[in-house]
């Protein structure tokens, strides 16, 4: 998936010697979380909108050098790593650097998410399975084998969580009849976190319905 066509070049890049008045004006006139700062044409960091209340108009960015954060992406960074960088830094604007540490533009989170949503993972019909297994025990090749052994294809799969050495993987398959796939995952010792209507989801719904019946009959 190509995201390079979504590079924004119309947003400002501030110089370290610029007045903070310019930065304050930018943040108050936009909804962006960060903006890039350069020194002698080279990237030195980004200022965060979260620090806005501490900025003094009469001072220069140089006076707040210690506030600069140093996250960025490269022009050839793949889209998954770009999304991860957005998430890790709680940002909605990412600075893109060229080969000489110069700022060549920005990625807007809204644009990148829109591209992601247009992928077959979201647009193709199918079913969603969310499974979990130990970090050392799972593999994508095994997940693919489990799905394909039940005469269906994987549309997409990615890790959606890691907690206490347990990996959560969300898989979209080209079928809405997931029972055989779910049973195979169980035989391979995967824990099913979400499946189709007549499996995990239906069981959860039934439990809630039973509880409601008991409550109404009290």
C-alpha atoms as a PDB file:
ATOM      1  CA  UNK A   1       0.000   0.000   0.000  1.00  0.00           C
ATOM      2  CA  UNK A   2       1.477   3.330  -1.092  1.00  0.00           C
ATOM      3  CA  UNK A   3       1.115   6.339   1.207  1.00  0.00           C
ATOM      4  CA  UNK A   4       3.760   8.614  -0.305  1.00  0.00           C
ATOM      5  CA  UNK A   5       1.115  10.427  -2.349  1.00  0.00           C
ATOM      6  CA  UNK A   6      -0.347  11.683   0.941  1.00  0.00           C
ATOM      7  CA  UNK A   7       2.678  13.744   1.995  1.00  0.00           C
ATOM      8  CA  UNK A   8       1.604  17.229   3.133  1.00  0.00           C
ATOM      9  CA  UNK A   9       3.973  20.019   2.125  1.00  0.00           C
ATOM     10  CA  UNK A  10       1.798  23.034   2.917  1.00  0.00           C
ATOM     11  CA  UNK A  11       2.250  23.001   6.702  1.00  0.00           C
ATOM     12  CA  UNK A  12       4.982  25.110   8.319  1.00  0.00           C
ATOM     13  CA  UNK A  13       8.383  23.971   9.546  1.00  0.00           C
ATOM     14  CA  UNK A  14       9.716  26.245  12.282  1.00  0.00           C
ATOM     15  CA  UNK A  15      13.304  27.293  12.848  1.00  0.00           C
ATOM     16  CA  UNK A  16      14.882  26.975  16.268  1.00  0.00           C
ATOM     17  CA  UNK A  17      15.365  30.748  16.375  1.00  0.00           C
ATOM     18  CA  UNK A  18      11.709  31.511  15.563  1.00  0.00           C
ATOM     19  CA  UNK A  19       9.458  33.234  18.069  1.00  0.00           C
ATOM     20  CA  UNK A  20       7.070  31.030  20.012  1.00  0.00           C
ATOM     21  CA  UNK A  21       4.355  33.467  19.002  1.00  0.00           C
ATOM     22  CA  UNK A  22       4.320  31.771  15.585  1.00  0.00           C
ATOM     23  CA  UNK A  23       4.037  28.323  17.149  1.00  0.00           C
ATOM     24  CA  UNK A  24       1.230  29.419  19.463  1.00  0.00           C
ATOM     25  CA  UNK A  25      -0.646  30.898  16.507  1.00  0.00           C
ATOM     26  CA  UNK A  26      -0.225  27.656  14.538  1.00  0.00           C
ATOM     27  CA  UNK A  27      -1.543  25.384  17.277  1.00  0.00           C
ATOM     28  CA  UNK A  28      -4.472  27.681  18.091  1.00  0.00           C
ATOM     29  CA  UNK A  29      -5.426  27.734  14.413  1.00  0.00           C
ATOM     30  CA  UNK A  30      -5.248  23.964  13.859  1.00  0.00           C
ATOM     31  CA  UNK A  31      -6.071  20.633  15.462  1.00  0.00           C
ATOM     32  CA  UNK A  32      -2.613  19.132  14.941  1.00  0.00           C
ATOM     33  CA  UNK A  33      -0.685  17.588  17.822  1.00  0.00           C
ATOM     34  CA  UNK A  34       2.919  18.349  16.811  1.00  0.00           C
ATOM     35  CA  UNK A  35       4.993  20.517  14.499  1.00  0.00           C
ATOM     36  CA  UNK A  36       8.586  20.183  13.308  1.00  0.00           C
ATOM     37  CA  UNK A  37      11.570  22.352  14.228  1.00  0.00           C
ATOM     38  CA  UNK A  38      14.836  22.607  12.307  1.00  0.00           C
ATOM     39  CA  UNK A  39      18.245  24.080  13.023  1.00  0.00           C
ATOM     40  CA  UNK A  40      20.335  25.114  10.035  1.00  0.00           C
ATOM     41  CA  UNK A  41      17.978  23.113   7.840  1.00  0.00           C
ATOM     42  CA  UNK A  42      18.255  19.878   9.828  1.00  0.00           C
ATOM     43  CA  UNK A  43      15.505  18.347  11.961  1.00  0.00           C
ATOM     44  CA  UNK A  44      15.999  18.749  15.725  1.00  0.00           C
ATOM     45  CA  UNK A  45      12.584  17.653  17.010  1.00  0.00           C
ATOM     46  CA  UNK A  46       8.892  18.432  17.271  1.00  0.00           C
ATOM     47  CA  UNK A  47       6.971  20.685  19.612  1.00  0.00           C
ATOM     48  CA  UNK A  48       3.780  19.298  21.136  1.00  0.00           C
ATOM     49  CA  UNK A  49       0.446  21.054  21.399  1.00  0.00           C
ATOM     50  CA  UNK A  50       0.252  19.633  24.928  1.00  0.00           C
ATOM     51  CA  UNK A  51       2.941  22.122  25.979  1.00  0.00           C
ATOM     52  CA  UNK A  52       1.043  25.090  24.567  1.00  0.00           C
ATOM     53  CA  UNK A  53       0.008  26.482  27.944  1.00  0.00           C
ATOM     54  CA  UNK A  54       3.677  26.706  28.967  1.00  0.00           C
ATOM     55  CA  UNK A  55       4.793  28.658  25.898  1.00  0.00           C
ATOM     56  CA  UNK A  56       5.530  32.384  26.261  1.00  0.00           C
ATOM     57  CA  UNK A  57       4.999  34.547  23.187  1.00  0.00           C
ATOM     58  CA  UNK A  58       8.039  36.737  23.807  1.00  0.00           C
ATOM     59  CA  UNK A  59      10.429  33.765  23.940  1.00  0.00           C
ATOM     60  CA  UNK A  60      12.041  31.770  21.155  1.00  0.00           C
ATOM     61  CA  UNK A  61      11.778  28.064  20.408  1.00  0.00           C
ATOM     62  CA  UNK A  62      15.445  27.816  21.431  1.00  0.00           C
ATOM     63  CA  UNK A  63      14.369  28.589  25.000  1.00  0.00           C
ATOM     64  CA  UNK A  64      12.215  25.437  24.954  1.00  0.00           C
ATOM     65  CA  UNK A  65      14.709  23.124  23.288  1.00  0.00           C
ATOM     66  CA  UNK A  66      14.324  20.681  26.191  1.00  0.00           C
ATOM     67  CA  UNK A  67      10.637  20.289  25.250  1.00  0.00           C
ATOM     68  CA  UNK A  68      11.419  18.950  21.777  1.00  0.00           C
ATOM     69  CA  UNK A  69      10.471  15.332  21.091  1.00  0.00           C
ATOM     70  CA  UNK A  70      12.473  13.364  18.532  1.00  0.00           C
ATOM     71  CA  UNK A  71      10.076  11.009  16.746  1.00  0.00           C
ATOM     72  CA  UNK A  72       9.702  11.029  12.950  1.00  0.00           C
ATOM     73  CA  UNK A  73       9.426   8.743   9.916  1.00  0.00           C
ATOM     74  CA  UNK A  74      11.396   8.480   6.684  1.00  0.00           C
ATOM     75  CA  UNK A  75      10.054   8.923   3.174  1.00  0.00           C
ATOM     76  CA  UNK A  76      10.371   5.155   2.612  1.00  0.00           C
ATOM     77  CA  UNK A  77       8.846   4.056   5.952  1.00  0.00           C
ATOM     78  CA  UNK A  78       6.100   1.489   5.306  1.00  0.00           C
ATOM     79  CA  UNK A  79       2.503   2.260   6.229  1.00  0.00           C
ATOM     80  CA  UNK A  80       2.321  -0.163   9.163  1.00  0.00           C
ATOM     81  CA  UNK A  81       5.344   1.445  10.822  1.00  0.00           C
ATOM     82  CA  UNK A  82       3.823   4.861  10.156  1.00  0.00           C
ATOM     83  CA  UNK A  83       0.613   3.828  11.937  1.00  0.00           C
ATOM     84  CA  UNK A  84       2.643   2.433  14.829  1.00  0.00           C
ATOM     85  CA  UNK A  85       4.568   5.704  15.137  1.00  0.00           C
ATOM     86  CA  UNK A  86       1.292   7.640  15.284  1.00  0.00           C
ATOM     87  CA  UNK A  87      -0.003   5.348  18.029  1.00  0.00           C
ATOM     88  CA  UNK A  88       3.149   5.198  20.147  1.00  0.00           C
ATOM     89  CA  UNK A  89       3.470   8.968  20.246  1.00  0.00           C
ATOM     90  CA  UNK A  90      -0.243   9.806  20.506  1.00  0.00           C
ATOM     91  CA  UNK A  91       0.176  12.071  17.483  1.00  0.00           C
ATOM     92  CA  UNK A  92      -2.029  13.048  14.561  1.00  0.00           C
ATOM     93  CA  UNK A  93       0.793  14.636  12.546  1.00  0.00           C
ATOM     94  CA  UNK A  94       4.108  12.949  11.716  1.00  0.00           C
ATOM     95  CA  UNK A  95       7.233  14.620  10.390  1.00  0.00           C
ATOM     96  CA  UNK A  96       8.838  12.983   7.335  1.00  0.00           C
ATOM     97  CA  UNK A  97      12.608  13.294   6.913  1.00  0.00           C
ATOM     98  CA  UNK A  98      14.762  13.018   3.809  1.00  0.00           C
ATOM     99  CA  UNK A  99      18.258  11.568   3.453  1.00  0.00           C
ATOM    100  CA  UNK A 100      19.953  14.660   4.886  1.00  0.00           C
ATOM    101  CA  UNK A 101      17.683  14.998   7.936  1.00  0.00           C
ATOM    102  CA  UNK A 102      15.696  17.720   6.195  1.00  0.00           C
ATOM    103  CA  UNK A 103      11.926  17.921   6.680  1.00  0.00           C
ATOM    104  CA  UNK A 104      10.197  17.028   3.408  1.00  0.00           C
ATOM    105  CA  UNK A 105       6.638  17.122   4.728  1.00  0.00           C
ATOM    106  CA  UNK A 106       4.141  15.515   7.088  1.00  0.00           C
ATOM    107  CA  UNK A 107       1.659  12.658   7.282  1.00  0.00           C
ATOM    108  CA  UNK A 108      -1.812  13.451   8.628  1.00  0.00           C
ATOM    109  CA  UNK A 109      -3.286  10.558  10.642  1.00  0.00           C
ATOM    110  CA  UNK A 110      -6.698  11.038   9.023  1.00  0.00           C
ATOM    111  CA  UNK A 111      -5.223  10.511   5.546  1.00  0.00           C
ATOM    112  CA  UNK A 112      -3.284   7.378   6.527  1.00  0.00           C
ATOM    113  CA  UNK A 113      -6.240   5.793   8.328  1.00  0.00           C
ATOM    114  CA  UNK A 114      -8.419   6.486   5.269  1.00  0.00           C
ATOM    115  CA  UNK A 115      -5.912   4.617   3.087  1.00  0.00           C
ATOM    116  CA  UNK A 116      -5.844   1.744   5.590  1.00  0.00           C
ATOM    117  CA  UNK A 117      -9.647   1.489   5.623  1.00  0.00           C
ATOM    118  CA  UNK A 118      -9.640   1.183   1.828  1.00  0.00           C
ATOM    119  CA  UNK A 119      -7.597  -2.038   1.998  1.00  0.00           C
ATOM    120  CA  UNK A 120      -9.245  -5.439   1.326  1.00  0.00           C
ATOM    121  CA  UNK A 121      -9.076  -6.180   5.068  1.00  0.00           C
ATOM    122  CA  UNK A 122     -11.992  -3.755   5.502  1.00  0.00           C
ATOM    123  CA  UNK A 123     -13.646  -3.732   2.089  1.00  0.00           C
ATOM    124  CA  UNK A 124     -13.815  -7.451   1.237  1.00  0.00           C
ATOM    125  CA  UNK A 125     -16.652  -9.564   2.693  1.00  0.00           C
ATOM    126  CA  UNK A 126     -15.640 -12.199   5.204  1.00  0.00           C
ATOM    127  CA  UNK A 127     -15.457 -13.116   8.869  1.00  0.00           C
ATOM    128  CA  UNK A 128     -13.309 -11.870  11.744  1.00  0.00           C
ATOM    129  CA  UNK A 129     -11.510 -14.131  14.221  1.00  0.00           C
ATOM    130  CA  UNK A 130      -9.473 -12.845  17.149  1.00  0.00           C
ATOM    131  CA  UNK A 131      -7.172 -15.428  18.722  1.00  0.00           C
ATOM    132  CA  UNK A 132      -4.522 -15.376  21.432  1.00  0.00           C
ATOM    133  CA  UNK A 133      -1.513 -17.553  22.162  1.00  0.00           C
ATOM    134  CA  UNK A 134       1.845 -17.367  23.914  1.00  0.00           C
ATOM    135  CA  UNK A 135       4.499 -15.232  22.242  1.00  0.00           C
ATOM    136  CA  UNK A 136       6.815 -18.213  21.764  1.00  0.00           C
ATOM    137  CA  UNK A 137       4.100 -20.572  20.560  1.00  0.00           C
ATOM    138  CA  UNK A 138       2.211 -18.750  17.812  1.00  0.00           C
ATOM    139  CA  UNK A 139       3.264 -18.189  14.201  1.00  0.00           C
ATOM    140  CA  UNK A 140       1.621 -16.558  11.205  1.00  0.00           C
ATOM    141  CA  UNK A 141       2.464 -19.566   9.075  1.00  0.00           C
ATOM    142  CA  UNK A 142       0.564 -21.807  11.499  1.00  0.00           C
ATOM    143  CA  UNK A 143      -2.397 -19.406  11.511  1.00  0.00           C
ATOM    144  CA  UNK A 144      -2.452 -19.440   7.712  1.00  0.00           C
ATOM    145  CA  UNK A 145      -2.267 -23.254   7.701  1.00  0.00           C
ATOM    146  CA  UNK A 146      -5.204 -23.494  10.121  1.00  0.00           C
ATOM    147  CA  UNK A 147      -7.376 -21.208   8.006  1.00  0.00           C
ATOM    148  CA  UNK A 148      -6.443 -22.747   4.654  1.00  0.00           C
ATOM    149  CA  UNK A 149      -6.865 -26.308   5.938  1.00  0.00           C
ATOM    150  CA  UNK A 150     -10.550 -25.437   6.225  1.00  0.00           C
ATOM    151  CA  UNK A 151     -10.796 -24.488   2.536  1.00  0.00           C
ATOM    152  CA  UNK A 152     -10.825 -20.732   3.009  1.00  0.00           C
ATOM    153  CA  UNK A 153      -8.335 -17.919   2.491  1.00  0.00           C
ATOM    154  CA  UNK A 154      -6.843 -15.252   4.714  1.00  0.00           C
ATOM    155  CA  UNK A 155      -7.756 -11.729   3.621  1.00  0.00           C
ATOM    156  CA  UNK A 156      -5.552 -10.140   6.257  1.00  0.00           C
ATOM    157  CA  UNK A 157      -4.041 -10.620   9.702  1.00  0.00           C
ATOM    158  CA  UNK A 158      -2.148  -8.472  12.139  1.00  0.00           C
ATOM    159  CA  UNK A 159      -1.141  -8.335  15.792  1.00  0.00           C
ATOM    160  CA  UNK A 160      -3.626  -6.229  17.747  1.00  0.00           C
ATOM    161  CA  UNK A 161      -2.234  -6.712  21.237  1.00  0.00           C
ATOM    162  CA  UNK A 162       0.625  -8.091  23.332  1.00  0.00           C
ATOM    163  CA  UNK A 163       0.189  -8.523  27.076  1.00  0.00           C
ATOM    164  CA  UNK A 164       2.216 -10.629  29.507  1.00  0.00           C
ATOM    165  CA  UNK A 165       3.880 -12.512  26.625  1.00  0.00           C
ATOM    166  CA  UNK A 166       0.503 -13.377  25.085  1.00  0.00           C
ATOM    167  CA  UNK A 167      -0.066 -12.228  21.506  1.00  0.00           C
ATOM    168  CA  UNK A 168      -3.507 -11.271  20.213  1.00  0.00           C
ATOM    169  CA  UNK A 169      -3.957 -11.695  16.456  1.00  0.00           C
ATOM    170  CA  UNK A 170      -6.929 -10.448  14.449  1.00  0.00           C
ATOM    171  CA  UNK A 171      -7.583 -12.497  11.314  1.00  0.00           C
ATOM    172  CA  UNK A 172     -10.038 -11.801   8.515  1.00  0.00           C
ATOM    173  CA  UNK A 173     -10.957 -14.800   6.399  1.00  0.00           C
ATOM    174  CA  UNK A 174     -12.923 -15.167   3.186  1.00  0.00           C
ATOM    175  CA  UNK A 175     -15.907 -16.859   4.791  1.00  0.00           C
ATOM    176  CA  UNK A 176     -18.607 -16.004   7.314  1.00  0.00           C
ATOM    177  CA  UNK A 177     -18.963 -19.646   8.407  1.00  0.00           C
ATOM    178  CA  UNK A 178     -16.160 -19.787  10.959  1.00  0.00           C
ATOM    179  CA  UNK A 179     -17.081 -22.790  13.106  1.00  0.00           C
ATOM    180  CA  UNK A 180     -14.634 -25.248  11.538  1.00  0.00           C
ATOM    181  CA  UNK A 181     -11.862 -22.655  11.610  1.00  0.00           C
ATOM    182  CA  UNK A 182     -12.533 -21.868  15.274  1.00  0.00           C
ATOM    183  CA  UNK A 183     -12.521 -25.537  16.247  1.00  0.00           C
ATOM    184  CA  UNK A 184      -9.196 -26.030  14.466  1.00  0.00           C
ATOM    185  CA  UNK A 185      -7.708 -23.031  16.275  1.00  0.00           C
ATOM    186  CA  UNK A 186      -8.789 -24.614  19.561  1.00  0.00           C
ATOM    187  CA  UNK A 187      -7.130 -27.918  18.642  1.00  0.00           C
ATOM    188  CA  UNK A 188      -3.919 -25.967  18.135  1.00  0.00           C
ATOM    189  CA  UNK A 189      -4.343 -24.427  21.608  1.00  0.00           C
ATOM    190  CA  UNK A 190      -5.314 -20.937  20.490  1.00  0.00           C
ATOM    191  CA  UNK A 191      -7.675 -19.072  22.796  1.00  0.00           C
ATOM    192  CA  UNK A 192     -10.659 -17.661  20.879  1.00  0.00           C
ATOM    193  CA  UNK A 193     -11.373 -14.057  21.883  1.00  0.00           C
ATOM    194  CA  UNK A 194     -13.934 -13.389  19.161  1.00  0.00           C
ATOM    195  CA  UNK A 195     -15.575 -15.469  16.464  1.00  0.00           C
ATOM    196  CA  UNK A 196     -18.767 -15.617  14.456  1.00  0.00           C
ATOM    197  CA  UNK A 197     -22.401 -15.306  15.510  1.00  0.00           C
ATOM    198  CA  UNK A 198     -22.987 -18.925  16.469  1.00  0.00           C
ATOM    199  CA  UNK A 199     -19.831 -19.216  18.569  1.00  0.00           C
ATOM    200  CA  UNK A 200     -18.239 -16.837  21.061  1.00  0.00           C
ATOM    201  CA  UNK A 201     -20.440 -13.862  20.229  1.00  0.00           C
ATOM    202  CA  UNK A 202     -23.654 -15.858  20.562  1.00  0.00           C
ATOM    203  CA  UNK A 203     -22.513 -17.377  23.847  1.00  0.00           C
ATOM    204  CA  UNK A 204     -21.793 -13.934  25.282  1.00  0.00           C
ATOM    205  CA  UNK A 205     -25.180 -12.713  24.098  1.00  0.00           C
ATOM    206  CA  UNK A 206     -26.931 -15.738  25.602  1.00  0.00           C
ATOM    207  CA  UNK A 207     -25.297 -15.126  28.984  1.00  0.00           C
ATOM    208  CA  UNK A 208     -26.430 -11.509  28.968  1.00  0.00           C
ATOM    209  CA  UNK A 209     -29.944 -12.582  27.941  1.00  0.00           C
ATOM    210  CA  UNK A 210     -30.120 -15.192  30.729  1.00  0.00           C
ATOM    211  CA  UNK A 211     -29.018 -12.602  33.258  1.00  0.00           C
ATOM    212  CA  UNK A 212     -31.660 -10.153  32.013  1.00  0.00           C
ATOM    213  CA  UNK A 213     -34.398 -12.829  32.253  1.00  0.00           C
ATOM    214  CA  UNK A 214     -33.426 -13.585  35.845  1.00  0.00           C
ATOM    215  CA  UNK A 215     -33.411  -9.880  36.690  1.00  0.00           C
ATOM    216  CA  UNK A 216     -36.870  -9.315  35.187  1.00  0.00           C
ATOM    217  CA  UNK A 217     -38.290 -12.336  37.019  1.00  0.00           C
ATOM    218  CA  UNK A 218     -37.107 -11.200  40.464  1.00  0.00           C
END
